[in-house]
Amino acid sequence: MIDHQTFELLEISDDPTYGYSEKNPIQVGGVDNQSGPLNERRFLNALAGPNGEEVVYFRSGSCCPIKSKNDPLGFGQVMLDNYRLAWKGSNDTVSIYINMYDYGSLKAPKGFTIKKLNISK
């Protein structure tokens, strides 16, 4: 992590479905330690637009039931969260699917860049 509100992303995915498809959601995890929604925001806070623009986002809702062994209710099925993202100069919002139940390797989705942070020590 860069700080309490931002994950450190090191690469951009070359998979055009990563994050853009409910079949290939971004796996931020965190439900197991009550930080699922915070992990979603930490991930989103690390993104920048295609040319480094500041990204704004909102959660548009839950959708898309998927199987997960990490279902806290024990049914084996959970819902993804769908976020809409935009940046200055974008013509429309972009839809991203996030899984806060399972952990995976975090990358910026194709078409995004990684936010540059000024960290003074």
Protein backbone atom coordinates (compact mmCIF):
# COMPACT_ATOMS: atom_id res chain seq x y z
CA MET A 1 0.00 0.00 0.00
CA ILE A 2 1.05 3.57 -0.65
CA ASP A 3 -0.99 4.80 2.30
CA HIS A 4 -4.11 3.72 4.22
CA GLN A 5 -6.34 4.87 1.32
CA THR A 6 -4.33 3.73 -1.72
CA PHE A 7 -2.94 0.42 -2.94
CA GLU A 8 0.39 0.39 -4.75
CA LEU A 9 -0.13 -0.86 -8.30
CA LEU A 10 2.98 -1.84 -10.23
CA GLU A 11 1.66 -2.77 -13.65
CA ILE A 12 -1.11 -2.38 -16.17
CA SER A 13 -2.96 -5.48 -17.34
CA ASP A 14 -2.66 -6.47 -20.98
CA ASP A 15 -5.87 -8.52 -20.69
CA PRO A 16 -8.71 -6.49 -22.25
CA THR A 17 -11.30 -8.28 -20.05
CA TYR A 18 -9.55 -7.65 -16.69
CA GLY A 19 -11.97 -5.59 -14.61
CA TYR A 20 -14.25 -4.91 -17.57
CA SER A 21 -16.06 -8.25 -17.45
CA GLU A 22 -17.96 -9.84 -14.60
CA LYS A 23 -16.20 -13.05 -15.64
CA ASN A 24 -12.80 -11.44 -14.88
CA PRO A 25 -13.34 -9.02 -11.98
CA ILE A 26 -10.59 -7.27 -10.05
CA GLN A 27 -10.07 -9.28 -6.87
CA VAL A 28 -9.29 -6.89 -4.01
CA GLY A 29 -10.41 -9.16 -1.14
CA GLY A 30 -10.93 -7.83 2.35
CA VAL A 31 -14.29 -9.20 3.44
CA ASP A 32 -12.44 -11.66 5.67
CA ASN A 33 -11.12 -8.76 7.80
CA GLN A 34 -13.95 -6.23 7.35
CA SER A 35 -12.03 -4.13 4.81
CA GLY A 36 -13.77 -5.16 1.56
CA PRO A 37 -15.31 -1.76 0.68
CA LEU A 38 -12.13 0.02 1.83
CA ASN A 39 -10.04 -2.27 -0.40
CA GLU A 40 -12.27 -1.39 -3.35
CA ARG A 41 -11.63 2.31 -2.73
CA ARG A 42 -7.91 1.68 -2.17
CA PHE A 43 -7.75 0.06 -5.59
CA LEU A 44 -9.77 2.77 -7.33
CA ASN A 45 -7.69 5.51 -5.66
CA ALA A 46 -4.58 4.05 -7.31
CA LEU A 47 -5.92 4.50 -10.86
CA ALA A 48 -5.38 7.40 -13.24
CA GLY A 49 -6.89 8.12 -16.64
CA PRO A 50 -5.13 7.20 -19.89
CA ASN A 51 -2.92 10.30 -19.70
CA GLY A 52 -2.56 10.44 -15.92
CA GLU A 53 -5.83 12.32 -15.31
CA GLU A 54 -7.47 12.18 -11.89
CA VAL A 55 -10.17 9.51 -11.84
CA VAL A 56 -13.54 10.02 -10.18
CA TYR A 57 -15.79 7.07 -9.40
CA PHE A 58 -19.04 6.00 -7.84
CA ARG A 59 -20.46 2.64 -6.91
CA SER A 60 -23.41 1.92 -9.16
CA GLY A 61 -24.47 -1.18 -7.22
CA SER A 62 -24.01 -4.88 -6.75
CA CYS A 63 -24.52 -7.31 -9.58
CA CYS A 64 -23.48 -10.53 -11.13
CA PRO A 65 -23.53 -13.48 -8.72
CA ILE A 66 -20.31 -15.50 -8.79
CA LYS A 67 -19.03 -18.55 -6.91
CA SER A 68 -16.63 -17.94 -4.04
CA LYS A 69 -15.40 -20.15 -1.24
CA ASN A 70 -15.08 -16.94 0.79
CA ASP A 71 -18.81 -16.25 1.04
CA PRO A 72 -19.26 -15.10 4.67
CA LEU A 73 -22.78 -16.55 4.72
CA GLY A 74 -21.63 -19.98 3.57
CA PHE A 75 -23.78 -20.27 0.44
CA GLY A 76 -20.77 -20.29 -1.90
CA GLN A 77 -22.10 -17.42 -3.99
CA VAL A 78 -21.37 -13.69 -3.71
CA MET A 79 -22.12 -10.52 -5.66
CA LEU A 80 -19.63 -8.28 -7.43
CA ASP A 81 -19.63 -4.51 -7.05
CA ASN A 82 -19.90 -2.37 -10.15
CA TYR A 83 -18.20 1.02 -10.23
CA ARG A 84 -18.44 3.74 -12.87
CA LEU A 85 -15.25 5.74 -13.50
CA ALA A 86 -14.55 8.92 -15.45
CA TRP A 87 -11.78 11.50 -15.82
CA LYS A 88 -11.46 14.98 -17.29
CA GLY A 89 -11.98 14.75 -21.03
CA SER A 90 -13.68 11.35 -21.00
CA ASN A 91 -16.82 11.10 -23.11
CA ASP A 92 -18.61 8.62 -20.84
CA THR A 93 -18.09 6.56 -17.72
CA VAL A 94 -16.27 3.23 -17.74
CA SER A 95 -17.74 0.24 -15.92
CA ILE A 96 -15.42 -1.80 -13.66
CA TYR A 97 -16.29 -5.02 -11.77
CA ILE A 98 -14.70 -5.64 -8.37
CA ASN A 99 -14.71 -8.75 -6.17
CA MET A 100 -14.11 -7.94 -2.49
CA TYR A 101 -14.40 -11.60 -1.40
CA ASP A 102 -11.38 -13.08 -3.15
CA TYR A 103 -7.77 -11.92 -3.44
CA GLY A 104 -5.83 -11.71 -6.69
CA SER A 105 -2.92 -9.94 -8.31
CA LEU A 106 -3.81 -6.25 -8.64
CA LYS A 107 -3.11 -4.38 -11.85
CA ALA A 108 -4.57 -1.30 -13.49
CA PRO A 109 -7.11 -2.31 -16.15
CA LYS A 110 -6.07 -1.79 -19.76
CA GLY A 111 -6.76 1.82 -20.79
CA PHE A 112 -5.91 3.22 -17.34
CA THR A 113 -2.58 4.30 -15.93
CA ILE A 114 -1.27 4.21 -12.38
CA LYS A 115 -1.67 7.30 -10.22
CA LYS A 116 1.59 9.08 -9.51
CA LEU A 117 1.83 10.01 -5.86
CA ASN A 118 4.09 12.58 -4.30
CA ILE A 119 5.31 11.02 -1.11
CA SER A 120 7.54 13.14 1.06
CA LYS A 121 9.48 11.36 3.75
